[in-house]
Amino acid sequence: MSSSKVLKWVTGGLEAILGVPFLGGTIVLSLAWTPLGIMLVLHIITLILAKKEGRSVAGSILGIVTSCIAWIPLVGMIMHIITAIVLMVDAAKSYRQA
């Protein structure tokens, strides 16, 4: 399994956790928005690796956008959920193709 696939699964799982109502908000607020910065860095790394391996970068770009606007309460939760779905579908699809 390539590194971009692994990172897509990891970032997708973390996005799913942050998308859980109240739990994700509690994590983000209690850690002073640090998880959003960490996710931004992880999405950038995933984007670079996926681009280098010739894989789809849509989920990583969506994750970068999500990390930048997720401080808005309801919008952030919805974006985290959508990003998690896109990343996991993309990771599963690229896994079957390899």
N, C-alpha and C. Protein backbone atom coordinates (compact mmCIF):
# COMPACT_ATOMS: atom_id res chain seq x y z
N MET A 1 0.85 -1.17 0.00
CA MET A 1 0.00 0.00 0.00
C MET A 1 0.90 1.24 0.00
N SER A 2 0.59 2.18 -0.87
CA SER A 2 1.42 3.38 -0.99
C SER A 2 1.19 4.33 0.19
N SER A 3 2.15 5.22 0.39
CA SER A 3 2.04 6.17 1.50
C SER A 3 0.85 7.11 1.35
N SER A 4 0.53 7.49 0.12
CA SER A 4 -0.61 8.41 -0.05
C SER A 4 -1.92 7.71 0.33
N LYS A 5 -2.04 6.40 0.04
CA LYS A 5 -3.24 5.66 0.43
C LYS A 5 -3.37 5.61 1.94
N VAL A 6 -2.25 5.31 2.60
CA VAL A 6 -2.26 5.23 4.07
C VAL A 6 -2.66 6.57 4.65
N LEU A 7 -2.06 7.65 4.15
CA LEU A 7 -2.38 8.98 4.67
C LEU A 7 -3.82 9.38 4.36
N LYS A 8 -4.37 8.94 3.24
CA LYS A 8 -5.77 9.23 2.94
C LYS A 8 -6.68 8.53 3.95
N TRP A 9 -6.35 7.27 4.30
CA TRP A 9 -7.14 6.58 5.32
C TRP A 9 -7.01 7.26 6.68
N VAL A 10 -5.79 7.65 7.03
CA VAL A 10 -5.56 8.30 8.33
C VAL A 10 -6.28 9.64 8.40
N THR A 11 -6.07 10.49 7.39
CA THR A 11 -6.71 11.81 7.42
C THR A 11 -8.23 11.68 7.31
N GLY A 12 -8.71 10.70 6.54
CA GLY A 12 -10.15 10.47 6.46
C GLY A 12 -10.74 10.07 7.81
N GLY A 13 -10.03 9.21 8.53
CA GLY A 13 -10.49 8.81 9.86
C GLY A 13 -10.49 9.96 10.85
N LEU A 14 -9.43 10.75 10.81
CA LEU A 14 -9.36 11.91 11.71
C LEU A 14 -10.44 12.94 11.37
N GLU A 15 -10.69 13.14 10.08
CA GLU A 15 -11.77 14.06 9.68
C GLU A 15 -13.12 13.53 10.16
N ALA A 16 -13.31 12.21 10.10
CA ALA A 16 -14.57 11.63 10.58
C ALA A 16 -14.76 11.88 12.07
N ILE A 17 -13.69 11.75 12.84
CA ILE A 17 -13.78 12.01 14.28
C ILE A 17 -14.13 13.48 14.52
N LEU A 18 -13.48 14.38 13.79
CA LEU A 18 -13.76 15.81 13.97
C LEU A 18 -15.15 16.18 13.48
N GLY A 19 -15.76 15.35 12.63
CA GLY A 19 -17.10 15.63 12.14
C GLY A 19 -18.21 15.16 13.07
N VAL A 20 -17.89 14.41 14.09
CA VAL A 20 -18.90 13.94 15.03
C VAL A 20 -19.42 15.13 15.84
N PRO A 21 -20.75 15.35 15.83
CA PRO A 21 -21.30 16.50 16.57
C PRO A 21 -20.87 16.48 18.04
N PHE A 22 -20.54 17.61 18.56
CA PHE A 22 -20.09 17.86 19.92
C PHE A 22 -18.70 17.31 20.21
N LEU A 23 -18.40 16.09 19.80
CA LEU A 23 -17.08 15.51 20.05
C LEU A 23 -16.02 16.28 19.28
N GLY A 24 -16.22 16.46 17.98
CA GLY A 24 -15.25 17.18 17.17
C GLY A 24 -15.08 18.61 17.64
N GLY A 25 -16.19 19.27 17.94
CA GLY A 25 -16.13 20.65 18.43
C GLY A 25 -15.41 20.75 19.76
N THR A 26 -15.65 19.79 20.63
CA THR A 26 -14.98 19.77 21.93
C THR A 26 -13.47 19.58 21.77
N ILE A 27 -13.08 18.69 20.88
CA ILE A 27 -11.65 18.45 20.63
C ILE A 27 -11.00 19.71 20.10
N VAL A 28 -11.62 20.32 19.09
CA VAL A 28 -11.03 21.51 18.46
C VAL A 28 -10.96 22.68 19.46
N LEU A 29 -12.03 22.94 20.18
CA LEU A 29 -12.04 24.06 21.12
C LEU A 29 -11.12 23.84 22.32
N SER A 30 -11.10 22.61 22.84
CA SER A 30 -10.28 22.35 24.03
C SER A 30 -8.78 22.42 23.72
N LEU A 31 -8.42 22.19 22.47
CA LEU A 31 -7.01 22.25 22.07
C LEU A 31 -6.69 23.54 21.31
N ALA A 32 -7.57 24.54 21.44
CA ALA A 32 -7.37 25.88 20.88
C ALA A 32 -7.11 25.84 19.37
N TRP A 33 -7.94 25.12 18.65
CA TRP A 33 -7.89 25.04 17.19
C TRP A 33 -6.60 24.42 16.65
N THR A 34 -5.77 23.85 17.48
CA THR A 34 -4.55 23.18 17.04
C THR A 34 -4.83 21.99 16.12
N PRO A 35 -5.89 21.19 16.36
CA PRO A 35 -6.17 20.08 15.44
C PRO A 35 -6.39 20.54 14.00
N LEU A 36 -6.94 21.73 13.81
CA LEU A 36 -7.15 22.23 12.45
C LEU A 36 -5.81 22.50 11.77
N GLY A 37 -4.86 23.02 12.50
CA GLY A 37 -3.52 23.25 11.95
C GLY A 37 -2.81 21.95 11.64
N ILE A 38 -2.94 20.98 12.53
CA ILE A 38 -2.32 19.67 12.31
C ILE A 38 -2.94 19.01 11.08
N MET A 39 -4.26 19.09 10.95
CA MET A 39 -4.92 18.50 9.79
C MET A 39 -4.50 19.21 8.51
N LEU A 40 -4.32 20.51 8.56
CA LEU A 40 -3.86 21.25 7.39
C LEU A 40 -2.51 20.72 6.91
N VAL A 41 -1.59 20.53 7.85
CA VAL A 41 -0.26 20.01 7.50
C VAL A 41 -0.37 18.59 6.95
N LEU A 42 -1.18 17.74 7.57
CA LEU A 42 -1.35 16.36 7.08
C LEU A 42 -1.95 16.34 5.67
N HIS A 43 -2.92 17.22 5.40
CA HIS A 43 -3.52 17.27 4.08
C HIS A 43 -2.52 17.76 3.02
N ILE A 44 -1.68 18.69 3.39
CA ILE A 44 -0.65 19.17 2.46
C ILE A 44 0.35 18.06 2.14
N ILE A 45 0.76 17.32 3.16
CA ILE A 45 1.68 16.20 2.95
C ILE A 45 1.03 15.13 2.07
N THR A 46 -0.23 14.82 2.35
CA THR A 46 -0.96 13.84 1.54
C THR A 46 -1.10 14.31 0.10
N LEU A 47 -1.36 15.59 -0.09
CA LEU A 47 -1.48 16.16 -1.43
C LEU A 47 -0.17 16.00 -2.21
N ILE A 48 0.93 16.32 -1.57
CA ILE A 48 2.24 16.21 -2.23
C ILE A 48 2.54 14.76 -2.61
N LEU A 49 2.31 13.83 -1.68
CA LEU A 49 2.57 12.41 -1.96
C LEU A 49 1.65 11.86 -3.05
N ALA A 50 0.37 12.23 -2.99
CA ALA A 50 -0.58 11.75 -3.99
C ALA A 50 -0.22 12.29 -5.37
N LYS A 51 0.17 13.54 -5.43
CA LYS A 51 0.57 14.15 -6.70
C LYS A 51 1.81 13.45 -7.26
N LYS A 52 2.77 13.16 -6.37
CA LYS A 52 4.00 12.49 -6.78
C LYS A 52 3.72 11.07 -7.30
N GLU A 53 2.73 10.39 -6.69
CA GLU A 53 2.39 9.02 -7.08
C GLU A 53 1.36 8.97 -8.21
N GLY A 54 0.89 10.12 -8.67
CA GLY A 54 -0.09 10.16 -9.74
C GLY A 54 -1.50 9.77 -9.31
N ARG A 55 -1.80 9.92 -8.05
CA ARG A 55 -3.13 9.58 -7.52
C ARG A 55 -4.02 10.82 -7.49
N SER A 56 -5.28 10.62 -7.19
CA SER A 56 -6.25 11.72 -7.09
C SER A 56 -5.90 12.63 -5.91
N VAL A 57 -6.04 13.94 -6.12
CA VAL A 57 -5.71 14.90 -5.07
C VAL A 57 -6.95 15.63 -4.56
N ALA A 58 -8.13 15.26 -5.05
CA ALA A 58 -9.36 15.97 -4.71
C ALA A 58 -9.63 15.97 -3.20
N GLY A 59 -9.48 14.83 -2.55
CA GLY A 59 -9.74 14.74 -1.12
C GLY A 59 -8.80 15.60 -0.30
N SER A 60 -7.54 15.65 -0.70
CA SER A 60 -6.56 16.47 0.01
C SER A 60 -6.84 17.95 -0.15
N ILE A 61 -7.23 18.35 -1.36
CA ILE A 61 -7.56 19.76 -1.58
C ILE A 61 -8.79 20.14 -0.78
N LEU A 62 -9.79 19.27 -0.76
CA LEU A 62 -10.98 19.52 0.05
C LEU A 62 -10.62 19.59 1.53
N GLY A 63 -9.68 18.74 1.97
CA GLY A 63 -9.23 18.77 3.36
C GLY A 63 -8.53 20.07 3.71
N ILE A 64 -7.75 20.60 2.79
CA ILE A 64 -7.08 21.88 3.02
C ILE A 64 -8.12 22.99 3.18
N VAL A 65 -9.12 22.99 2.30
CA VAL A 65 -10.19 23.99 2.40
C VAL A 65 -10.93 23.83 3.72
N THR A 66 -11.22 22.59 4.09
CA THR A 66 -11.92 22.31 5.34
C THR A 66 -11.13 22.82 6.53
N SER A 67 -9.83 22.58 6.56
CA SER A 67 -8.99 23.04 7.67
C SER A 67 -8.99 24.55 7.79
N CYS A 68 -9.15 25.23 6.69
CA CYS A 68 -9.14 26.70 6.71
C CYS A 68 -10.46 27.31 7.12
N ILE A 69 -11.59 26.60 6.89
CA ILE A 69 -12.88 27.20 7.24
C ILE A 69 -13.61 26.46 8.36
N ALA A 70 -12.98 25.45 8.94
CA ALA A 70 -13.65 24.62 9.94
C ALA A 70 -13.86 25.31 11.28
N TRP A 71 -13.34 26.51 11.44
CA TRP A 71 -13.55 27.24 12.70
C TRP A 71 -14.99 27.75 12.80
N ILE A 72 -15.72 27.73 11.68
CA ILE A 72 -17.14 28.12 11.69
C ILE A 72 -17.93 26.89 12.15
N PRO A 73 -18.64 26.99 13.29
CA PRO A 73 -19.22 25.81 13.93
C PRO A 73 -19.98 24.81 13.04
N LEU A 74 -21.11 25.12 12.51
CA LEU A 74 -21.90 24.14 11.76
C LEU A 74 -21.25 23.81 10.41
N VAL A 75 -20.70 24.82 9.76
CA VAL A 75 -20.02 24.61 8.48
C VAL A 75 -18.84 23.66 8.65
N GLY A 76 -18.09 23.82 9.72
CA GLY A 76 -16.94 22.96 9.98
C GLY A 76 -17.33 21.51 10.13
N MET A 77 -18.40 21.25 10.88
CA MET A 77 -18.85 19.88 11.10
C MET A 77 -19.24 19.23 9.76
N ILE A 78 -20.01 19.95 8.96
CA ILE A 78 -20.45 19.42 7.67
C ILE A 78 -19.25 19.18 6.76
N MET A 79 -18.32 20.13 6.72
CA MET A 79 -17.14 19.99 5.87
C MET A 79 -16.27 18.81 6.30
N HIS A 80 -16.12 18.61 7.61
CA HIS A 80 -15.33 17.47 8.11
C HIS A 80 -15.96 16.16 7.65
N ILE A 81 -17.28 16.05 7.73
CA ILE A 81 -17.96 14.83 7.32
C ILE A 81 -17.79 14.59 5.82
N ILE A 82 -18.00 15.63 5.01
CA ILE A 82 -17.86 15.49 3.56
C ILE A 82 -16.43 15.12 3.20
N THR A 83 -15.47 15.78 3.83
CA THR A 83 -14.06 15.50 3.54
C THR A 83 -13.70 14.07 3.92
N ALA A 84 -14.20 13.60 5.06
CA ALA A 84 -13.92 12.23 5.48
C ALA A 84 -14.45 11.23 4.46
N ILE A 85 -15.65 11.46 3.97
CA ILE A 85 -16.25 10.55 2.97
C ILE A 85 -15.43 10.56 1.69
N VAL A 86 -15.08 11.76 1.20
CA VAL A 86 -14.33 11.86 -0.05
C VAL A 86 -12.96 11.18 0.09
N LEU A 87 -12.26 11.41 1.20
CA LEU A 87 -10.94 10.81 1.39
C LEU A 87 -11.01 9.29 1.47
N MET A 88 -11.98 8.77 2.22
CA MET A 88 -12.07 7.33 2.38
C MET A 88 -12.50 6.63 1.09
N VAL A 89 -13.42 7.23 0.35
CA VAL A 89 -13.82 6.67 -0.94
C VAL A 89 -12.64 6.69 -1.89
N ASP A 90 -11.92 7.80 -1.90
CA ASP A 90 -10.75 7.92 -2.77
C ASP A 90 -9.68 6.89 -2.39
N ALA A 91 -9.44 6.70 -1.11
CA ALA A 91 -8.45 5.71 -0.67
C ALA A 91 -8.89 4.30 -1.03
N ALA A 92 -10.16 4.00 -0.87
CA ALA A 92 -10.66 2.66 -1.21
C ALA A 92 -10.62 2.43 -2.71
N LYS A 93 -10.96 3.44 -3.48
CA LYS A 93 -10.96 3.30 -4.93
C LYS A 93 -9.53 3.10 -5.45
N SER A 94 -8.60 3.87 -4.96
CA SER A 94 -7.23 3.74 -5.43
C SER A 94 -6.63 2.43 -4.93
N TYR A 95 -7.15 1.87 -3.84
CA TYR A 95 -6.66 0.60 -3.34
C TYR A 95 -7.06 -0.53 -4.28
N ARG A 96 -8.29 -0.48 -4.80
CA ARG A 96 -8.76 -1.51 -5.72
C ARG A 96 -8.06 -1.44 -7.07
N GLN A 97 -7.67 -0.25 -7.49
CA GLN A 97 -7.04 -0.08 -8.78
C GLN A 97 -5.58 -0.52 -8.79
N ALA A 98 -4.95 -0.51 -7.65
CA ALA A 98 -3.51 -0.81 -7.59
C ALA A 98 -3.23 -2.28 -7.72
